[in-house]
């Protein structure tokens, strides 16, 4: 696994679904304009409009740092005004320094999973 994947899960504040959608659009706009090594940034909302997930993929931890720097303002507004109880899970290899930086910024340490094994082939669609 040569890349870093992140899944962020959050609850949507009652009556704030449109605000979440607007902030998601803003984060995607900034990502498209400024990020250089973001491979994926997909947003999902459950059928009741009460929870969201963001699936992101980066070339490495530096790319994730770049992304967070670019989207910090919009993400801060998202979690201040529209969503809460967010949790992050990282999939891939990350350094202790990186985890300390994330903990400092978010106040919590994300769950981290290292790659064990897989199919070793690309999926055919």
PDB file of N, CA and C in Angstrom:
ATOM      1  N   UNK A   1       0.863  -1.174   0.000  1.00  0.00           N
ATOM      2  CA  UNK A   1       0.000   0.000   0.000  1.00  0.00           C
ATOM      3  C   UNK A   1       0.903   1.229   0.000  1.00  0.00           C
ATOM      4  N   UNK A   2       0.971   1.917  -1.104  1.00  0.00           N
ATOM      5  CA  UNK A   2       1.884   3.054  -1.245  1.00  0.00           C
ATOM      6  C   UNK A   2       1.202   4.392  -0.989  1.00  0.00           C
ATOM      7  N   UNK A   3      -0.045   4.390  -0.614  1.00  0.00           N
ATOM      8  CA  UNK A   3      -0.769   5.639  -0.393  1.00  0.00           C
ATOM      9  C   UNK A   3      -1.381   5.644   1.006  1.00  0.00           C
ATOM     10  N   UNK A   4      -1.972   6.762   1.362  1.00  0.00           N
ATOM     11  CA  UNK A   4      -2.603   6.928   2.663  1.00  0.00           C
ATOM     12  C   UNK A   4      -4.092   7.191   2.451  1.00  0.00           C
ATOM     13  N   UNK A   5      -4.914   6.388   3.084  1.00  0.00           N
ATOM     14  CA  UNK A   5      -6.362   6.567   2.992  1.00  0.00           C
ATOM     15  C   UNK A   5      -6.887   7.068   4.327  1.00  0.00           C
ATOM     16  N   UNK A   6      -7.916   7.891   4.254  1.00  0.00           N
ATOM     17  CA  UNK A   6      -8.535   8.455   5.454  1.00  0.00           C
ATOM     18  C   UNK A   6     -10.044   8.348   5.306  1.00  0.00           C
ATOM     19  N   UNK A   7     -10.694   7.914   6.374  1.00  0.00           N
ATOM     20  CA  UNK A   7     -12.152   7.958   6.429  1.00  0.00           C
ATOM     21  C   UNK A   7     -12.526   8.787   7.646  1.00  0.00           C
ATOM     22  N   UNK A   8     -13.318   9.819   7.403  1.00  0.00           N
ATOM     23  CA  UNK A   8     -13.815  10.685   8.473  1.00  0.00           C
ATOM     24  C   UNK A   8     -15.312  10.452   8.573  1.00  0.00           C
ATOM     25  N   UNK A   9     -15.778  10.190   9.788  1.00  0.00           N
ATOM     26  CA  UNK A   9     -17.202  10.008  10.038  1.00  0.00           C
ATOM     27  C   UNK A   9     -17.671  11.106  10.988  1.00  0.00           C
ATOM     28  N   UNK A  10     -18.847  11.660  10.705  1.00  0.00           N
ATOM     29  CA  UNK A  10     -19.382  12.721  11.569  1.00  0.00           C
ATOM     30  C   UNK A  10     -20.898  12.647  11.586  1.00  0.00           C
ATOM     31  N   UNK A  11     -21.459  13.219  12.630  1.00  0.00           N
ATOM     32  CA  UNK A  11     -22.908  13.359  12.744  1.00  0.00           C
ATOM     33  C   UNK A  11     -23.273  14.757  12.280  1.00  0.00           C
ATOM     34  N   UNK A  12     -24.424  14.852  11.642  1.00  0.00           N
ATOM     35  CA  UNK A  12     -24.913  16.135  11.142  1.00  0.00           C
ATOM     36  C   UNK A  12     -25.858  16.734  12.183  1.00  0.00           C
ATOM     37  N   UNK A  13     -25.624  17.994  12.523  1.00  0.00           N
ATOM     38  CA  UNK A  13     -26.496  18.660  13.495  1.00  0.00           C
ATOM     39  C   UNK A  13     -27.923  18.739  12.933  1.00  0.00           C
ATOM     40  N   UNK A  14     -28.929  18.576  13.775  1.00  0.00           N
ATOM     41  CA  UNK A  14     -30.320  18.656  13.294  1.00  0.00           C
ATOM     42  C   UNK A  14     -30.567  19.959  12.523  1.00  0.00           C
ATOM     43  N   UNK A  15     -31.153  19.811  11.339  1.00  0.00           N
ATOM     44  CA  UNK A  15     -31.488  20.965  10.509  1.00  0.00           C
ATOM     45  C   UNK A  15     -30.315  21.573   9.754  1.00  0.00           C
ATOM     46  N   UNK A  16     -29.151  20.930   9.782  1.00  0.00           N
ATOM     47  CA  UNK A  16     -27.961  21.516   9.164  1.00  0.00           C
ATOM     48  C   UNK A  16     -27.433  20.742   7.947  1.00  0.00           C
ATOM     49  N   UNK A  17     -28.260  19.899   7.348  1.00  0.00           N
ATOM     50  CA  UNK A  17     -27.834  19.123   6.181  1.00  0.00           C
ATOM     51  C   UNK A  17     -27.382  20.028   5.031  1.00  0.00           C
ATOM     52  N   UNK A  18     -28.119  21.097   4.760  1.00  0.00           N
ATOM     53  CA  UNK A  18     -27.742  21.994   3.662  1.00  0.00           C
ATOM     54  C   UNK A  18     -26.403  22.671   3.942  1.00  0.00           C
ATOM     55  N   UNK A  19     -26.138  22.996   5.207  1.00  0.00           N
ATOM     56  CA  UNK A  19     -24.848  23.568   5.571  1.00  0.00           C
ATOM     57  C   UNK A  19     -23.714  22.591   5.343  1.00  0.00           C
ATOM     58  N   UNK A  20     -23.937  21.311   5.665  1.00  0.00           N
ATOM     59  CA  UNK A  20     -22.926  20.275   5.409  1.00  0.00           C
ATOM     60  C   UNK A  20     -22.662  20.174   3.914  1.00  0.00           C
ATOM     61  N   UNK A  21     -23.740  20.169   3.134  1.00  0.00           N
ATOM     62  CA  UNK A  21     -23.577  20.085   1.674  1.00  0.00           C
ATOM     63  C   UNK A  21     -22.794  21.277   1.133  1.00  0.00           C
ATOM     64  N   UNK A  22     -23.069  22.467   1.639  1.00  0.00           N
ATOM     65  CA  UNK A  22     -22.364  23.672   1.185  1.00  0.00           C
ATOM     66  C   UNK A  22     -20.877  23.605   1.562  1.00  0.00           C
ATOM     67  N   UNK A  23     -20.576  23.152   2.780  1.00  0.00           N
ATOM     68  CA  UNK A  23     -19.173  23.061   3.200  1.00  0.00           C
ATOM     69  C   UNK A  23     -18.446  21.960   2.441  1.00  0.00           C
ATOM     70  N   UNK A  24     -19.138  20.873   2.140  1.00  0.00           N
ATOM     71  CA  UNK A  24     -18.530  19.814   1.325  1.00  0.00           C
ATOM     72  C   UNK A  24     -18.164  20.368  -0.052  1.00  0.00           C
ATOM     73  N   UNK A  25     -19.069  21.128  -0.637  1.00  0.00           N
ATOM     74  CA  UNK A  25     -18.796  21.732  -1.940  1.00  0.00           C
ATOM     75  C   UNK A  25     -17.603  22.677  -1.872  1.00  0.00           C
ATOM     76  N   UNK A  26     -17.509  23.450  -0.796  1.00  0.00           N
ATOM     77  CA  UNK A  26     -16.381  24.373  -0.638  1.00  0.00           C
ATOM     78  C   UNK A  26     -15.068  23.609  -0.459  1.00  0.00           C
ATOM     79  N   UNK A  27     -15.074  22.570   0.346  1.00  0.00           N
ATOM     80  CA  UNK A  27     -13.862  21.767   0.547  1.00  0.00           C
ATOM     81  C   UNK A  27     -13.431  21.130  -0.773  1.00  0.00           C
ATOM     82  N   UNK A  28     -14.379  20.633  -1.549  1.00  0.00           N
ATOM     83  CA  UNK A  28     -14.039  20.040  -2.850  1.00  0.00           C
ATOM     84  C   UNK A  28     -13.508  21.094  -3.819  1.00  0.00           C
ATOM     85  N   UNK A  29     -14.083  22.282  -3.814  1.00  0.00           N
ATOM     86  CA  UNK A  29     -13.593  23.353  -4.680  1.00  0.00           C
ATOM     87  C   UNK A  29     -12.138  23.680  -4.355  1.00  0.00           C
ATOM     88  N   UNK A  30     -11.851  23.873  -3.081  1.00  0.00           N
ATOM     89  CA  UNK A  30     -10.482  24.196  -2.666  1.00  0.00           C
ATOM     90  C   UNK A  30      -9.535  23.049  -2.996  1.00  0.00           C
ATOM     91  N   UNK A  31      -9.983  21.830  -2.769  1.00  0.00           N
ATOM     92  CA  UNK A  31      -9.158  20.656  -3.065  1.00  0.00           C
ATOM     93  C   UNK A  31      -8.789  20.619  -4.546  1.00  0.00           C
ATOM     94  N   UNK A  32      -9.778  20.833  -5.408  1.00  0.00           N
ATOM     95  CA  UNK A  32      -9.515  20.815  -6.856  1.00  0.00           C
ATOM     96  C   UNK A  32      -8.539  21.930  -7.261  1.00  0.00           C
ATOM     97  N   UNK A  33      -8.705  23.097  -6.661  1.00  0.00           N
ATOM     98  CA  UNK A  33      -7.892  24.253  -7.038  1.00  0.00           C
ATOM     99  C   UNK A  33      -6.470  24.213  -6.494  1.00  0.00           C
ATOM    100  N   UNK A  34      -6.284  23.696  -5.280  1.00  0.00           N
ATOM    101  CA  UNK A  34      -4.998  23.866  -4.613  1.00  0.00           C
ATOM    102  C   UNK A  34      -4.194  22.594  -4.365  1.00  0.00           C
ATOM    103  N   UNK A  35      -4.860  21.473  -4.116  1.00  0.00           N
ATOM    104  CA  UNK A  35      -4.120  20.253  -3.773  1.00  0.00           C
ATOM    105  C   UNK A  35      -3.361  19.718  -4.981  1.00  0.00           C
ATOM    106  N   UNK A  36      -2.191  19.162  -4.713  1.00  0.00           N
ATOM    107  CA  UNK A  36      -1.376  18.605  -5.798  1.00  0.00           C
ATOM    108  C   UNK A  36      -1.222  17.089  -5.706  1.00  0.00           C
ATOM    109  N   UNK A  37      -1.527  16.492  -4.552  1.00  0.00           N
ATOM    110  CA  UNK A  37      -1.329  15.051  -4.387  1.00  0.00           C
ATOM    111  C   UNK A  37      -2.507  14.353  -3.726  1.00  0.00           C
ATOM    112  N   UNK A  38      -3.687  14.965  -3.810  1.00  0.00           N
ATOM    113  CA  UNK A  38      -4.897  14.309  -3.322  1.00  0.00           C
ATOM    114  C   UNK A  38      -5.440  13.446  -4.447  1.00  0.00           C
ATOM    115  N   UNK A  39      -5.642  12.164  -4.158  1.00  0.00           N
ATOM    116  CA  UNK A  39      -6.096  11.212  -5.164  1.00  0.00           C
ATOM    117  C   UNK A  39      -7.603  10.993  -5.131  1.00  0.00           C
ATOM    118  N   UNK A  40      -8.212  11.259  -3.975  1.00  0.00           N
ATOM    119  CA  UNK A  40      -9.652  11.013  -3.815  1.00  0.00           C
ATOM    120  C   UNK A  40     -10.172  11.874  -2.676  1.00  0.00           C
ATOM    121  N   UNK A  41     -11.394  12.381  -2.846  1.00  0.00           N
ATOM    122  CA  UNK A  41     -12.087  13.103  -1.774  1.00  0.00           C
ATOM    123  C   UNK A  41     -13.578  12.974  -2.074  1.00  0.00           C
ATOM    124  N   UNK A  42     -14.192  11.909  -1.562  1.00  0.00           N
ATOM    125  CA  UNK A  42     -15.584  11.583  -1.854  1.00  0.00           C
ATOM    126  C   UNK A  42     -16.430  11.735  -0.591  1.00  0.00           C
ATOM    127  N   UNK A  43     -17.572  12.377  -0.732  1.00  0.00           N
ATOM    128  CA  UNK A  43     -18.471  12.632   0.393  1.00  0.00           C
ATOM    129  C   UNK A  43     -19.713  11.763   0.274  1.00  0.00           C
ATOM    130  N   UNK A  44     -20.165  11.227   1.405  1.00  0.00           N
ATOM    131  CA  UNK A  44     -21.345  10.378   1.473  1.00  0.00           C
ATOM    132  C   UNK A  44     -22.232  10.841   2.624  1.00  0.00           C
ATOM    133  N   UNK A  45     -23.544  10.774   2.419  1.00  0.00           N
ATOM    134  CA  UNK A  45     -24.513  11.110   3.465  1.00  0.00           C
ATOM    135  C   UNK A  45     -25.471   9.933   3.588  1.00  0.00           C
ATOM    136  N   UNK A  46     -25.812   9.559   4.833  1.00  0.00           N
ATOM    137  CA  UNK A  46     -26.720   8.424   4.996  1.00  0.00           C
ATOM    138  C   UNK A  46     -28.142   8.805   4.563  1.00  0.00           C
ATOM    139  N   UNK A  47     -28.986   7.806   4.473  1.00  0.00           N
ATOM    140  CA  UNK A  47     -30.336   8.006   3.938  1.00  0.00           C
ATOM    141  C   UNK A  47     -31.198   8.944   4.776  1.00  0.00           C
ATOM    142  N   UNK A  48     -30.873   9.119   6.038  1.00  0.00           N
ATOM    143  CA  UNK A  48     -31.658   9.980   6.917  1.00  0.00           C
ATOM    144  C   UNK A  48     -31.101  11.406   6.990  1.00  0.00           C
ATOM    145  N   UNK A  49     -29.936  11.635   6.379  1.00  0.00           N
ATOM    146  CA  UNK A  49     -29.318  12.956   6.420  1.00  0.00           C
ATOM    147  C   UNK A  49     -28.798  13.317   7.796  1.00  0.00           C
ATOM    148  N   UNK A  50     -28.430  12.296   8.572  1.00  0.00           N
ATOM    149  CA  UNK A  50     -27.963  12.532   9.939  1.00  0.00           C
ATOM    150  C   UNK A  50     -26.480  12.235  10.142  1.00  0.00           C
ATOM    151  N   UNK A  51     -25.852  11.592   9.164  1.00  0.00           N
ATOM    152  CA  UNK A  51     -24.432  11.259   9.264  1.00  0.00           C
ATOM    153  C   UNK A  51     -23.772  11.438   7.908  1.00  0.00           C
ATOM    154  N   UNK A  52     -22.476  11.756   7.956  1.00  0.00           N
ATOM    155  CA  UNK A  52     -21.729  11.832   6.710  1.00  0.00           C
ATOM    156  C   UNK A  52     -20.396  11.123   6.881  1.00  0.00           C
ATOM    157  N   UNK A  53     -19.842  10.703   5.762  1.00  0.00           N
ATOM    158  CA  UNK A  53     -18.505  10.120   5.716  1.00  0.00           C
ATOM    159  C   UNK A  53     -17.757  10.770   4.575  1.00  0.00           C
ATOM    160  N   UNK A  54     -16.470  10.957   4.782  1.00  0.00           N
ATOM    161  CA  UNK A  54     -15.596  11.460   3.736  1.00  0.00           C
ATOM    162  C   UNK A  54     -14.505  10.409   3.540  1.00  0.00           C
ATOM    163  N   UNK A  55     -14.337   9.957   2.300  1.00  0.00           N
ATOM    164  CA  UNK A  55     -13.304   8.985   1.955  1.00  0.00           C
ATOM    165  C   UNK A  55     -12.250   9.727   1.144  1.00  0.00           C
ATOM    166  N   UNK A  56     -11.042   9.765   1.689  1.00  0.00           N
ATOM    167  CA  UNK A  56      -9.956  10.500   1.046  1.00  0.00           C
ATOM    168  C   UNK A  56      -8.780   9.567   0.809  1.00  0.00           C
ATOM    169  N   UNK A  57      -8.004   9.878  -0.223  1.00  0.00           N
ATOM    170  CA  UNK A  57      -6.782   9.138  -0.506  1.00  0.00           C
ATOM    171  C   UNK A  57      -5.708  10.131  -0.931  1.00  0.00           C
ATOM    172  N   UNK A  58      -4.518   9.924  -0.379  1.00  0.00           N
ATOM    173  CA  UNK A  58      -3.392  10.816  -0.627  1.00  0.00           C
ATOM    174  C   UNK A  58      -2.166  10.000  -0.999  1.00  0.00           C
ATOM    175  N   UNK A  59      -1.246  10.624  -1.710  1.00  0.00           N
ATOM    176  CA  UNK A  59      -0.027   9.921  -2.088  1.00  0.00           C
ATOM    177  C   UNK A  59       0.815   9.571  -0.872  1.00  0.00           C
ATOM    178  N   UNK A  60       0.771  10.408   0.174  1.00  0.00           N
ATOM    179  CA  UNK A  60       1.541  10.180   1.395  1.00  0.00           C
ATOM    180  C   UNK A  60       1.075  11.143   2.476  1.00  0.00           C
ATOM    181  N   UNK A  61       1.701  11.114   3.641  1.00  0.00           N
ATOM    182  CA  UNK A  61       1.252  11.979   4.740  1.00  0.00           C
ATOM    183  C   UNK A  61       1.490  13.449   4.440  1.00  0.00           C
ATOM    184  N   UNK A  62       2.503  13.785   3.666  1.00  0.00           N
ATOM    185  CA  UNK A  62       2.727  15.189   3.288  1.00  0.00           C
ATOM    186  C   UNK A  62       1.565  15.713   2.453  1.00  0.00           C
ATOM    187  N   UNK A  63       1.013  14.863   1.602  1.00  0.00           N
ATOM    188  CA  UNK A  63      -0.143  15.268   0.793  1.00  0.00           C
ATOM    189  C   UNK A  63      -1.359  15.522   1.672  1.00  0.00           C
ATOM    190  N   UNK A  64      -1.526  14.710   2.717  1.00  0.00           N
ATOM    191  CA  UNK A  64      -2.628  14.933   3.658  1.00  0.00           C
ATOM    192  C   UNK A  64      -2.432  16.239   4.418  1.00  0.00           C
ATOM    193  N   UNK A  65      -1.212  16.527   4.819  1.00  0.00           N
ATOM    194  CA  UNK A  65      -0.927  17.801   5.492  1.00  0.00           C
ATOM    195  C   UNK A  65      -1.252  18.975   4.576  1.00  0.00           C
ATOM    196  N   UNK A  66      -0.827  18.872   3.317  1.00  0.00           N
ATOM    197  CA  UNK A  66      -1.126  19.920   2.336  1.00  0.00           C
ATOM    198  C   UNK A  66      -2.642  20.127   2.229  1.00  0.00           C
ATOM    199  N   UNK A  67      -3.380  19.033   2.110  1.00  0.00           N
ATOM    200  CA  UNK A  67      -4.828  19.096   1.983  1.00  0.00           C
ATOM    201  C   UNK A  67      -5.455  19.770   3.203  1.00  0.00           C
ATOM    202  N   UNK A  68      -5.031  19.372   4.383  1.00  0.00           N
ATOM    203  CA  UNK A  68      -5.592  19.951   5.610  1.00  0.00           C
ATOM    204  C   UNK A  68      -5.278  21.436   5.716  1.00  0.00           C
ATOM    205  N   UNK A  69      -4.095  21.848   5.281  1.00  0.00           N
ATOM    206  CA  UNK A  69      -3.758  23.273   5.299  1.00  0.00           C
ATOM    207  C   UNK A  69      -4.678  24.053   4.360  1.00  0.00           C
ATOM    208  N   UNK A  70      -4.930  23.496   3.184  1.00  0.00           N
ATOM    209  CA  UNK A  70      -5.777  24.181   2.207  1.00  0.00           C
ATOM    210  C   UNK A  70      -7.235  24.257   2.653  1.00  0.00           C
ATOM    211  N   UNK A  71      -7.716  23.213   3.319  1.00  0.00           N
ATOM    212  CA  UNK A  71      -9.145  23.122   3.628  1.00  0.00           C
ATOM    213  C   UNK A  71      -9.474  23.452   5.088  1.00  0.00           C
ATOM    214  N   UNK A  72      -8.487  23.890   5.841  1.00  0.00           N
ATOM    215  CA  UNK A  72      -8.654  24.119   7.272  1.00  0.00           C
ATOM    216  C   UNK A  72      -9.826  25.039   7.599  1.00  0.00           C
ATOM    217  N   UNK A  73      -9.926  26.150   6.928  1.00  0.00           N
ATOM    218  CA  UNK A  73     -10.979  27.127   7.226  1.00  0.00           C
ATOM    219  C   UNK A  73     -12.366  26.536   6.982  1.00  0.00           C
ATOM    220  N   UNK A  74     -12.548  25.887   5.839  1.00  0.00           N
ATOM    221  CA  UNK A  74     -13.858  25.303   5.523  1.00  0.00           C
ATOM    222  C   UNK A  74     -14.187  24.135   6.453  1.00  0.00           C
ATOM    223  N   UNK A  75     -13.188  23.323   6.802  1.00  0.00           N
ATOM    224  CA  UNK A  75     -13.424  22.199   7.717  1.00  0.00           C
ATOM    225  C   UNK A  75     -13.748  22.705   9.124  1.00  0.00           C
ATOM    226  N   UNK A  76     -13.065  23.745   9.549  1.00  0.00           N
ATOM    227  CA  UNK A  76     -13.364  24.329  10.865  1.00  0.00           C
ATOM    228  C   UNK A  76     -14.819  24.799  10.914  1.00  0.00           C
ATOM    229  N   UNK A  77     -15.272  25.455   9.872  1.00  0.00           N
ATOM    230  CA  UNK A  77     -16.665  25.909   9.832  1.00  0.00           C
ATOM    231  C   UNK A  77     -17.628  24.724   9.809  1.00  0.00           C
ATOM    232  N   UNK A  78     -17.276  23.680   9.050  1.00  0.00           N
ATOM    233  CA  UNK A  78     -18.111  22.484   8.984  1.00  0.00           C
ATOM    234  C   UNK A  78     -18.364  21.931  10.383  1.00  0.00           C
ATOM    235  N   UNK A  79     -17.280  21.746  11.149  1.00  0.00           N
ATOM    236  CA  UNK A  79     -17.426  21.120  12.456  1.00  0.00           C
ATOM    237  C   UNK A  79     -17.868  22.093  13.550  1.00  0.00           C
ATOM    238  N   UNK A  80     -17.719  23.365  13.317  1.00  0.00           N
ATOM    239  CA  UNK A  80     -18.212  24.351  14.277  1.00  0.00           C
ATOM    240  C   UNK A  80     -19.728  24.540  14.145  1.00  0.00           C
ATOM    241  N   UNK A  81     -20.215  24.596  12.889  1.00  0.00           N
ATOM    242  CA  UNK A  81     -21.601  25.000  12.651  1.00  0.00           C
ATOM    243  C   UNK A  81     -22.553  23.894  12.206  1.00  0.00           C
ATOM    244  N   UNK A  82     -22.052  22.857  11.544  1.00  0.00           N
ATOM    245  CA  UNK A  82     -22.957  21.928  10.869  1.00  0.00           C
ATOM    246  C   UNK A  82     -22.837  20.458  11.265  1.00  0.00           C
ATOM    247  N   UNK A  83     -21.696  20.037  11.736  1.00  0.00           N
ATOM    248  CA  UNK A  83     -21.476  18.622  12.061  1.00  0.00           C
ATOM    249  C   UNK A  83     -20.743  18.527  13.394  1.00  0.00           C
ATOM    250  N   UNK A  84     -20.759  17.336  13.989  1.00  0.00           N
ATOM    251  CA  UNK A  84     -20.091  17.148  15.282  1.00  0.00           C
ATOM    252  C   UNK A  84     -19.698  15.685  15.433  1.00  0.00           C
ATOM    253  N   UNK A  85     -18.996  15.401  16.516  1.00  0.00           N
ATOM    254  CA  UNK A  85     -18.604  14.039  16.873  1.00  0.00           C
ATOM    255  C   UNK A  85     -17.855  13.348  15.724  1.00  0.00           C
ATOM    256  N   UNK A  86     -16.905  14.078  15.136  1.00  0.00           N
ATOM    257  CA  UNK A  86     -16.178  13.490  14.011  1.00  0.00           C
ATOM    258  C   UNK A  86     -15.039  12.608  14.502  1.00  0.00           C
ATOM    259  N   UNK A  87     -14.839  11.519  13.770  1.00  0.00           N
ATOM    260  CA  UNK A  87     -13.795  10.549  14.067  1.00  0.00           C
ATOM    261  C   UNK A  87     -13.075  10.216  12.772  1.00  0.00           C
ATOM    262  N   UNK A  88     -11.753  10.092  12.887  1.00  0.00           N
ATOM    263  CA  UNK A  88     -10.941   9.787  11.701  1.00  0.00           C
ATOM    264  C   UNK A  88     -10.250   8.444  11.863  1.00  0.00           C
ATOM    265  N   UNK A  89     -10.136   7.735  10.750  1.00  0.00           N
ATOM    266  CA  UNK A  89      -9.379   6.497  10.701  1.00  0.00           C
ATOM    267  C   UNK A  89      -8.411   6.614   9.534  1.00  0.00           C
ATOM    268  N   UNK A  90      -7.132   6.333   9.802  1.00  0.00           N
ATOM    269  CA  UNK A  90      -6.091   6.383   8.776  1.00  0.00           C
ATOM    270  C   UNK A  90      -5.704   4.961   8.399  1.00  0.00           C
ATOM    271  N   UNK A  91      -5.526   4.734   7.105  1.00  0.00           N
ATOM    272  CA  UNK A  91      -5.116   3.434   6.592  1.00  0.00           C
ATOM    273  C   UNK A  91      -3.810   3.634   5.822  1.00  0.00           C
ATOM    274  N   UNK A  92      -2.721   3.118   6.379  1.00  0.00           N
ATOM    275  CA  UNK A  92      -1.415   3.257   5.736  1.00  0.00           C
ATOM    276  C   UNK A  92      -0.361   3.555   6.783  1.00  0.00           C
ATOM    277  N   UNK A  93       0.845   3.760   6.318  1.00  0.00           N
ATOM    278  CA  UNK A  93       1.965   4.020   7.221  1.00  0.00           C
ATOM    279  C   UNK A  93       2.075   5.516   7.495  1.00  0.00           C
ATOM    280  N   UNK A  94       2.121   5.875   8.784  1.00  0.00           N
ATOM    281  CA  UNK A  94       2.296   7.267   9.181  1.00  0.00           C
ATOM    282  C   UNK A  94       3.344   7.336  10.283  1.00  0.00           C
ATOM    283  N   UNK A  95       4.016   8.460  10.339  1.00  0.00           N
ATOM    284  CA  UNK A  95       5.074   8.638  11.332  1.00  0.00           C
ATOM    285  C   UNK A  95       4.491   9.083  12.678  1.00  0.00           C
ATOM    286  N   UNK A  96       5.271   8.907  13.720  1.00  0.00           N
ATOM    287  CA  UNK A  96       4.881   9.366  15.053  1.00  0.00           C
ATOM    288  C   UNK A  96       4.728  10.886  15.068  1.00  0.00           C
ATOM    289  N   UNK A  97       5.621  11.587  14.366  1.00  0.00           N
ATOM    290  CA  UNK A  97       5.525  13.053  14.276  1.00  0.00           C
ATOM    291  C   UNK A  97       4.206  13.472  13.637  1.00  0.00           C
ATOM    292  N   UNK A  98       3.809  12.760  12.617  1.00  0.00           N
ATOM    293  CA  UNK A  98       2.547  13.056  11.945  1.00  0.00           C
ATOM    294  C   UNK A  98       1.372  12.850  12.898  1.00  0.00           C
ATOM    295  N   UNK A  99       1.367  11.745  13.630  1.00  0.00           N
ATOM    296  CA  UNK A  99       0.286  11.483  14.575  1.00  0.00           C
ATOM    297  C   UNK A  99       0.228  12.548  15.664  1.00  0.00           C
ATOM    298  N   UNK A 100       1.391  13.001  16.116  1.00  0.00           N
ATOM    299  CA  UNK A 100       1.426  14.075  17.115  1.00  0.00           C
ATOM    300  C   UNK A 100       0.832  15.361  16.559  1.00  0.00           C
ATOM    301  N   UNK A 101       1.137  15.666  15.304  1.00  0.00           N
ATOM    302  CA  UNK A 101       0.586  16.851  14.654  1.00  0.00           C
ATOM    303  C   UNK A 101      -0.936  16.761  14.548  1.00  0.00           C
ATOM    304  N   UNK A 102      -1.439  15.596  14.161  1.00  0.00           N
ATOM    305  CA  UNK A 102      -2.883  15.399  14.051  1.00  0.00           C
ATOM    306  C   UNK A 102      -3.535  15.534  15.420  1.00  0.00           C
ATOM    307  N   UNK A 103      -2.933  14.938  16.432  1.00  0.00           N
ATOM    308  CA  UNK A 103      -3.494  15.019  17.780  1.00  0.00           C
ATOM    309  C   UNK A 103      -3.527  16.465  18.265  1.00  0.00           C
ATOM    310  N   UNK A 104      -2.463  17.198  17.997  1.00  0.00           N
ATOM    311  CA  UNK A 104      -2.400  18.608  18.391  1.00  0.00           C
ATOM    312  C   UNK A 104      -3.502  19.408  17.705  1.00  0.00           C
ATOM    313  N   UNK A 105      -3.715  19.160  16.438  1.00  0.00           N
ATOM    314  CA  UNK A 105      -4.693  19.911  15.647  1.00  0.00           C
ATOM    315  C   UNK A 105      -6.128  19.527  16.001  1.00  0.00           C
ATOM    316  N   UNK A 106      -6.390  18.212  16.167  1.00  0.00           N
ATOM    317  CA  UNK A 106      -7.753  17.735  16.357  1.00  0.00           C
ATOM    318  C   UNK A 106      -8.102  17.465  17.819  1.00  0.00           C
ATOM    319  N   UNK A 107      -7.104  17.344  18.658  1.00  0.00           N
ATOM    320  CA  UNK A 107      -7.368  17.045  20.056  1.00  0.00           C
ATOM    321  C   UNK A 107      -7.517  15.570  20.359  1.00  0.00           C
ATOM    322  N   UNK A 108      -7.553  14.743  19.320  1.00  0.00           N
ATOM    323  CA  UNK A 108      -7.631  13.299  19.497  1.00  0.00           C
ATOM    324  C   UNK A 108      -6.694  12.620  18.510  1.00  0.00           C
ATOM    325  N   UNK A 109      -6.325  11.405  18.817  1.00  0.00           N
ATOM    326  CA  UNK A 109      -5.481  10.636  17.908  1.00  0.00           C
ATOM    327  C   UNK A 109      -6.384   9.725  17.085  1.00  0.00           C
ATOM    328  N   UNK A 110      -6.262   9.768  15.763  1.00  0.00           N
ATOM    329  CA  UNK A 110      -7.103   8.892  14.935  1.00  0.00           C
ATOM    330  C   UNK A 110      -6.677   7.435  15.084  1.00  0.00           C
ATOM    331  N   UNK A 111      -7.596   6.538  14.789  1.00  0.00           N
ATOM    332  CA  UNK A 111      -7.251   5.127  14.695  1.00  0.00           C
ATOM    333  C   UNK A 111      -6.376   4.952  13.450  1.00  0.00           C
ATOM    334  N   UNK A 112      -5.363   4.113  13.552  1.00  0.00           N
ATOM    335  CA  UNK A 112      -4.457   3.876  12.419  1.00  0.00           C
ATOM    336  C   UNK A 112      -4.378   2.383  12.157  1.00  0.00           C
ATOM    337  N   UNK A 113      -4.579   2.013  10.900  1.00  0.00           N
ATOM    338  CA  UNK A 113      -4.459   0.621  10.479  1.00  0.00           C
ATOM    339  C   UNK A 113      -3.366   0.524   9.424  1.00  0.00           C
ATOM    340  N   UNK A 114      -2.446  -0.414   9.608  1.00  0.00           N
ATOM    341  CA  UNK A 114      -1.394  -0.678   8.629  1.00  0.00           C
ATOM    342  C   UNK A 114      -1.849  -1.807   7.717  1.00  0.00           C
ATOM    343  N   UNK A 115      -1.451  -1.716   6.467  1.00  0.00           N
ATOM    344  CA  UNK A 115      -1.844  -2.721   5.477  1.00  0.00           C
ATOM    345  C   UNK A 115      -1.269  -4.080   5.840  1.00  0.00           C
ATOM    346  N   UNK A 116      -2.093  -5.112   5.784  1.00  0.00           N
ATOM    347  CA  UNK A 116      -1.654  -6.477   6.053  1.00  0.00           C
ATOM    348  C   UNK A 116      -1.447  -7.232   4.749  1.00  0.00           C
ATOM    349  N   UNK A 117      -2.511  -7.405   3.983  1.00  0.00           N
ATOM    350  CA  UNK A 117      -2.400  -8.049   2.682  1.00  0.00           C
ATOM    351  C   UNK A 117      -3.662  -7.826   1.881  1.00  0.00           C
ATOM    352  N   UNK A 118      -3.580  -8.084   0.590  1.00  0.00           N
ATOM    353  CA  UNK A 118      -4.714  -7.885  -0.294  1.00  0.00           C
ATOM    354  C   UNK A 118      -4.646  -8.816  -1.490  1.00  0.00           C
ATOM    355  N   UNK A 119      -5.432  -8.522  -2.513  1.00  0.00           N
ATOM    356  CA  UNK A 119      -5.494  -9.371  -3.697  1.00  0.00           C
ATOM    357  C   UNK A 119      -4.283  -9.226  -4.602  1.00  0.00           C
ATOM    358  N   UNK A 120      -3.543  -8.139  -4.480  1.00  0.00           N
ATOM    359  CA  UNK A 120      -2.378  -7.887  -5.341  1.00  0.00           C
ATOM    360  C   UNK A 120      -2.738  -7.816  -6.806  1.00  0.00           C
ATOM    361  N   UNK A 121      -3.960  -7.350  -7.097  1.00  0.00           N
ATOM    362  CA  UNK A 121      -4.350  -7.135  -8.495  1.00  0.00           C
ATOM    363  C   UNK A 121      -5.418  -6.059  -8.535  1.00  0.00           C
ATOM    364  N   UNK A 122      -5.552  -5.410  -9.660  1.00  0.00           N
ATOM    365  CA  UNK A 122      -6.543  -4.354  -9.818  1.00  0.00           C
ATOM    366  C   UNK A 122      -7.909  -4.950 -10.097  1.00  0.00           C
ATOM    367  N   UNK A 123      -8.930  -4.303  -9.612  1.00  0.00           N
ATOM    368  CA  UNK A 123     -10.300  -4.731  -9.884  1.00  0.00           C
ATOM    369  C   UNK A 123     -10.666  -4.369 -11.310  1.00  0.00           C
ATOM    370  N   UNK A 124     -11.416  -5.233 -11.953  1.00  0.00           N
ATOM    371  CA  UNK A 124     -11.883  -4.989 -13.314  1.00  0.00           C
ATOM    372  C   UNK A 124     -13.361  -4.642 -13.241  1.00  0.00           C
ATOM    373  N   UNK A 125     -13.723  -3.515 -13.860  1.00  0.00           N
ATOM    374  CA  UNK A 125     -15.127  -3.091 -13.825  1.00  0.00           C
ATOM    375  C   UNK A 125     -15.719  -3.218 -15.192  1.00  0.00           C
TER     376      UNK A 125
END
